N, C-alpha and C. Protein backbone atom coordinates (compact mmCIF):
# COMPACT_ATOMS: atom_id res chain seq x y z
N MET A 1 -17.87 -92.61 -40.04
CA MET A 1 -16.79 -91.66 -39.82
C MET A 1 -16.25 -91.90 -38.43
N GLN A 2 -14.97 -92.10 -38.33
CA GLN A 2 -14.36 -92.35 -37.03
C GLN A 2 -13.21 -91.39 -36.85
N ASN A 3 -13.12 -90.82 -35.66
CA ASN A 3 -11.99 -89.96 -35.37
C ASN A 3 -11.50 -90.22 -33.97
N ASN A 4 -10.30 -89.79 -33.71
CA ASN A 4 -9.69 -90.05 -32.42
C ASN A 4 -9.59 -88.79 -31.58
N THR A 5 -10.43 -87.80 -31.85
CA THR A 5 -10.36 -86.56 -31.11
C THR A 5 -11.45 -86.52 -30.05
N GLU A 6 -11.20 -85.73 -29.04
CA GLU A 6 -12.18 -85.54 -27.99
C GLU A 6 -13.39 -84.81 -28.56
N THR A 7 -14.56 -85.14 -28.10
CA THR A 7 -15.76 -84.47 -28.58
C THR A 7 -16.46 -83.77 -27.43
N ILE A 8 -17.32 -82.81 -27.77
CA ILE A 8 -18.15 -82.13 -26.79
C ILE A 8 -19.58 -82.17 -27.29
N LYS A 9 -20.50 -82.05 -26.38
CA LYS A 9 -21.90 -81.95 -26.75
C LYS A 9 -22.25 -80.47 -26.78
N THR A 10 -22.93 -80.05 -27.83
CA THR A 10 -23.30 -78.65 -27.95
C THR A 10 -24.76 -78.56 -28.38
N ASP A 11 -25.34 -77.41 -28.23
CA ASP A 11 -26.74 -77.19 -28.56
C ASP A 11 -26.82 -76.04 -29.54
N VAL A 12 -27.42 -76.29 -30.70
CA VAL A 12 -27.61 -75.25 -31.69
C VAL A 12 -29.06 -75.27 -32.15
N ALA A 13 -29.53 -74.11 -32.58
CA ALA A 13 -30.89 -74.01 -33.11
C ALA A 13 -30.82 -74.06 -34.63
N ILE A 14 -31.55 -74.98 -35.22
CA ILE A 14 -31.59 -75.15 -36.68
C ILE A 14 -33.05 -75.20 -37.08
N SER A 15 -33.37 -74.52 -38.17
CA SER A 15 -34.76 -74.52 -38.61
C SER A 15 -35.21 -75.95 -38.93
N LEU A 16 -36.48 -76.21 -38.75
CA LEU A 16 -37.02 -77.54 -38.98
C LEU A 16 -36.77 -78.04 -40.41
N PRO A 17 -36.98 -77.22 -41.44
CA PRO A 17 -36.70 -77.73 -42.80
C PRO A 17 -35.24 -78.13 -43.00
N ILE A 18 -34.30 -77.36 -42.43
CA ILE A 18 -32.88 -77.70 -42.54
C ILE A 18 -32.59 -78.98 -41.78
N HIS A 19 -33.16 -79.09 -40.59
CA HIS A 19 -32.97 -80.31 -39.79
C HIS A 19 -33.50 -81.53 -40.54
N ASN A 20 -34.70 -81.42 -41.09
CA ASN A 20 -35.30 -82.55 -41.81
C ASN A 20 -34.46 -82.95 -43.02
N ALA A 21 -33.97 -81.94 -43.76
CA ALA A 21 -33.14 -82.23 -44.93
C ALA A 21 -31.82 -82.87 -44.50
N ALA A 22 -31.23 -82.37 -43.42
CA ALA A 22 -29.97 -82.94 -42.93
C ALA A 22 -30.19 -84.37 -42.44
N ASN A 23 -31.27 -84.60 -41.76
CA ASN A 23 -31.58 -85.94 -41.27
C ASN A 23 -31.74 -86.91 -42.44
N HIS A 24 -32.45 -86.48 -43.48
CA HIS A 24 -32.64 -87.30 -44.67
C HIS A 24 -31.30 -87.61 -45.34
N LEU A 25 -30.46 -86.59 -45.50
CA LEU A 25 -29.16 -86.78 -46.13
C LEU A 25 -28.27 -87.70 -45.29
N ALA A 26 -28.29 -87.50 -43.98
CA ALA A 26 -27.47 -88.35 -43.10
C ALA A 26 -27.86 -89.81 -43.26
N LYS A 27 -29.16 -90.08 -43.28
CA LYS A 27 -29.61 -91.47 -43.46
C LYS A 27 -29.18 -92.01 -44.82
N LYS A 28 -29.31 -91.18 -45.84
CA LYS A 28 -28.93 -91.60 -47.20
C LYS A 28 -27.44 -91.93 -47.28
N LEU A 29 -26.62 -91.18 -46.54
CA LEU A 29 -25.17 -91.38 -46.56
C LEU A 29 -24.70 -92.38 -45.52
N GLY A 30 -25.61 -92.84 -44.68
CA GLY A 30 -25.24 -93.79 -43.63
C GLY A 30 -24.44 -93.14 -42.50
N LEU A 31 -24.75 -91.89 -42.23
CA LEU A 31 -24.06 -91.14 -41.18
C LEU A 31 -25.02 -90.76 -40.07
N SER A 32 -24.48 -90.50 -38.90
CA SER A 32 -25.29 -89.91 -37.84
C SER A 32 -25.39 -88.41 -38.14
N LEU A 33 -26.35 -87.74 -37.51
CA LEU A 33 -26.44 -86.29 -37.69
C LEU A 33 -25.16 -85.61 -37.21
N SER A 34 -24.61 -86.09 -36.10
CA SER A 34 -23.36 -85.50 -35.59
C SER A 34 -22.25 -85.62 -36.63
N GLU A 35 -22.15 -86.77 -37.26
CA GLU A 35 -21.13 -86.97 -38.28
C GLU A 35 -21.35 -86.04 -39.47
N LEU A 36 -22.62 -85.92 -39.90
CA LEU A 36 -22.93 -85.04 -41.02
C LEU A 36 -22.60 -83.59 -40.68
N TYR A 37 -23.01 -83.13 -39.50
CA TYR A 37 -22.73 -81.75 -39.10
C TYR A 37 -21.22 -81.52 -38.99
N THR A 38 -20.48 -82.49 -38.47
CA THR A 38 -19.03 -82.36 -38.36
C THR A 38 -18.41 -82.23 -39.74
N LEU A 39 -18.84 -83.07 -40.68
CA LEU A 39 -18.33 -82.99 -42.05
C LEU A 39 -18.68 -81.65 -42.68
N ALA A 40 -19.90 -81.19 -42.48
CA ALA A 40 -20.34 -79.93 -43.08
C ALA A 40 -19.54 -78.75 -42.53
N ILE A 41 -19.36 -78.72 -41.22
CA ILE A 41 -18.61 -77.61 -40.62
C ILE A 41 -17.15 -77.66 -41.03
N THR A 42 -16.58 -78.86 -41.05
CA THR A 42 -15.18 -79.02 -41.47
C THR A 42 -15.01 -78.53 -42.91
N SER A 43 -15.93 -78.91 -43.77
CA SER A 43 -15.87 -78.48 -45.17
C SER A 43 -16.00 -76.97 -45.29
N TYR A 44 -16.91 -76.39 -44.54
CA TYR A 44 -17.12 -74.94 -44.58
C TYR A 44 -15.87 -74.21 -44.08
N MET A 45 -15.29 -74.70 -42.99
CA MET A 45 -14.10 -74.06 -42.44
C MET A 45 -12.92 -74.14 -43.39
N ALA A 46 -12.84 -75.19 -44.18
CA ALA A 46 -11.74 -75.36 -45.13
C ALA A 46 -11.76 -74.28 -46.22
N LYS A 47 -12.91 -73.69 -46.45
CA LYS A 47 -13.03 -72.64 -47.45
C LYS A 47 -12.43 -71.32 -46.98
N TYR A 48 -12.15 -71.22 -45.70
CA TYR A 48 -11.63 -70.00 -45.11
C TYR A 48 -10.25 -70.30 -44.52
N PRO A 49 -9.20 -70.10 -45.32
CA PRO A 49 -7.86 -70.49 -44.88
C PRO A 49 -7.32 -69.66 -43.72
N GLU A 50 -7.87 -68.48 -43.52
CA GLU A 50 -7.38 -67.62 -42.43
C GLU A 50 -7.72 -68.25 -41.08
N ASN A 51 -6.82 -68.14 -40.19
CA ASN A 51 -6.99 -68.68 -38.85
C ASN A 51 -8.11 -67.92 -38.13
N ILE A 52 -9.13 -68.62 -37.71
CA ILE A 52 -10.27 -68.01 -37.05
C ILE A 52 -9.85 -67.32 -35.76
N THR A 53 -8.89 -67.89 -35.04
CA THR A 53 -8.42 -67.26 -33.81
C THR A 53 -7.83 -65.89 -34.09
N GLU A 54 -7.06 -65.79 -35.16
CA GLU A 54 -6.48 -64.50 -35.53
C GLU A 54 -7.58 -63.50 -35.88
N MET A 55 -8.60 -63.96 -36.58
CA MET A 55 -9.71 -63.08 -36.92
C MET A 55 -10.40 -62.56 -35.66
N LEU A 56 -10.66 -63.46 -34.72
CA LEU A 56 -11.30 -63.06 -33.46
C LEU A 56 -10.40 -62.12 -32.66
N ASP A 57 -9.11 -62.38 -32.65
CA ASP A 57 -8.18 -61.50 -31.95
C ASP A 57 -8.26 -60.08 -32.50
N ARG A 58 -8.34 -59.94 -33.82
CA ARG A 58 -8.46 -58.61 -34.43
C ARG A 58 -9.76 -57.93 -34.03
N VAL A 59 -10.84 -58.70 -33.97
CA VAL A 59 -12.13 -58.13 -33.56
C VAL A 59 -12.04 -57.62 -32.12
N TYR A 60 -11.48 -58.46 -31.23
CA TYR A 60 -11.47 -58.11 -29.82
C TYR A 60 -10.37 -57.12 -29.45
N GLU A 61 -9.52 -56.76 -30.42
CA GLU A 61 -8.60 -55.64 -30.19
C GLU A 61 -9.38 -54.34 -30.16
N GLN A 62 -10.51 -54.32 -30.87
CA GLN A 62 -11.31 -53.10 -31.00
C GLN A 62 -12.61 -53.17 -30.21
N GLU A 63 -13.11 -54.35 -29.97
CA GLU A 63 -14.39 -54.54 -29.30
C GLU A 63 -14.18 -55.27 -27.98
N SER A 64 -14.96 -54.89 -27.00
CA SER A 64 -14.89 -55.58 -25.71
C SER A 64 -15.56 -56.94 -25.83
N SER A 65 -15.00 -57.91 -25.15
CA SER A 65 -15.62 -59.23 -25.11
C SER A 65 -16.41 -59.44 -23.83
N ALA A 66 -16.52 -58.38 -23.04
CA ALA A 66 -17.26 -58.48 -21.78
C ALA A 66 -18.75 -58.68 -22.06
N ILE A 67 -19.36 -59.50 -21.25
CA ILE A 67 -20.79 -59.77 -21.37
C ILE A 67 -21.53 -58.86 -20.41
N ASP A 68 -22.56 -58.22 -20.91
CA ASP A 68 -23.38 -57.35 -20.08
C ASP A 68 -23.90 -58.16 -18.89
N PRO A 69 -23.74 -57.64 -17.65
CA PRO A 69 -24.18 -58.41 -16.47
C PRO A 69 -25.66 -58.79 -16.51
N GLY A 70 -26.51 -57.92 -17.04
CA GLY A 70 -27.94 -58.23 -17.14
C GLY A 70 -28.18 -59.39 -18.10
N LEU A 71 -27.47 -59.39 -19.21
CA LEU A 71 -27.60 -60.47 -20.18
C LEU A 71 -27.07 -61.77 -19.60
N MET A 72 -25.96 -61.70 -18.89
CA MET A 72 -25.39 -62.89 -18.26
C MET A 72 -26.39 -63.48 -17.27
N ASP A 73 -27.04 -62.64 -16.49
CA ASP A 73 -28.03 -63.12 -15.52
C ASP A 73 -29.18 -63.82 -16.23
N LEU A 74 -29.67 -63.25 -17.32
CA LEU A 74 -30.75 -63.88 -18.08
C LEU A 74 -30.32 -65.22 -18.66
N GLN A 75 -29.09 -65.29 -19.16
CA GLN A 75 -28.60 -66.54 -19.73
C GLN A 75 -28.50 -67.62 -18.66
N VAL A 76 -27.97 -67.26 -17.51
CA VAL A 76 -27.83 -68.24 -16.43
C VAL A 76 -29.19 -68.74 -15.98
N ARG A 77 -30.16 -67.84 -15.86
CA ARG A 77 -31.49 -68.24 -15.41
C ARG A 77 -32.21 -69.09 -16.46
N SER A 78 -31.81 -68.95 -17.74
CA SER A 78 -32.49 -69.72 -18.79
C SER A 78 -32.00 -71.17 -18.85
N LEU A 79 -30.88 -71.47 -18.22
CA LEU A 79 -30.34 -72.82 -18.24
C LEU A 79 -31.15 -73.72 -17.33
N ASP A 80 -31.36 -74.93 -17.78
CA ASP A 80 -32.03 -75.90 -16.91
C ASP A 80 -30.98 -76.67 -16.14
N ASP A 81 -31.42 -77.57 -15.32
CA ASP A 81 -30.51 -78.30 -14.45
C ASP A 81 -30.03 -79.62 -15.06
N ASP A 82 -30.25 -79.82 -16.36
CA ASP A 82 -29.80 -81.05 -17.00
C ASP A 82 -28.29 -81.16 -16.97
N ALA A 83 -27.82 -82.32 -16.63
CA ALA A 83 -26.38 -82.55 -16.67
C ALA A 83 -25.98 -82.88 -18.12
N TRP A 84 -24.89 -82.34 -18.56
CA TRP A 84 -24.39 -82.61 -19.90
C TRP A 84 -23.35 -83.63 -19.75
């Protein structure tokens, strides 16, 4: 799978059985895990024709998007010094 778009590195938590199954499928299809995850997310998003940004805008019209300062402090302290 080749694309001409900019990519980012992200970190997600996936259960070991799901990871193992995805790894097996990726090898079977001749894809990298990144390619498989990109295809899976793209396919999933295609099932929802509504613009996700519009959905989030409606949520944040009613809910604050502010992060609790205590939670923000914990998140910052949990980060390691690895360069991405």
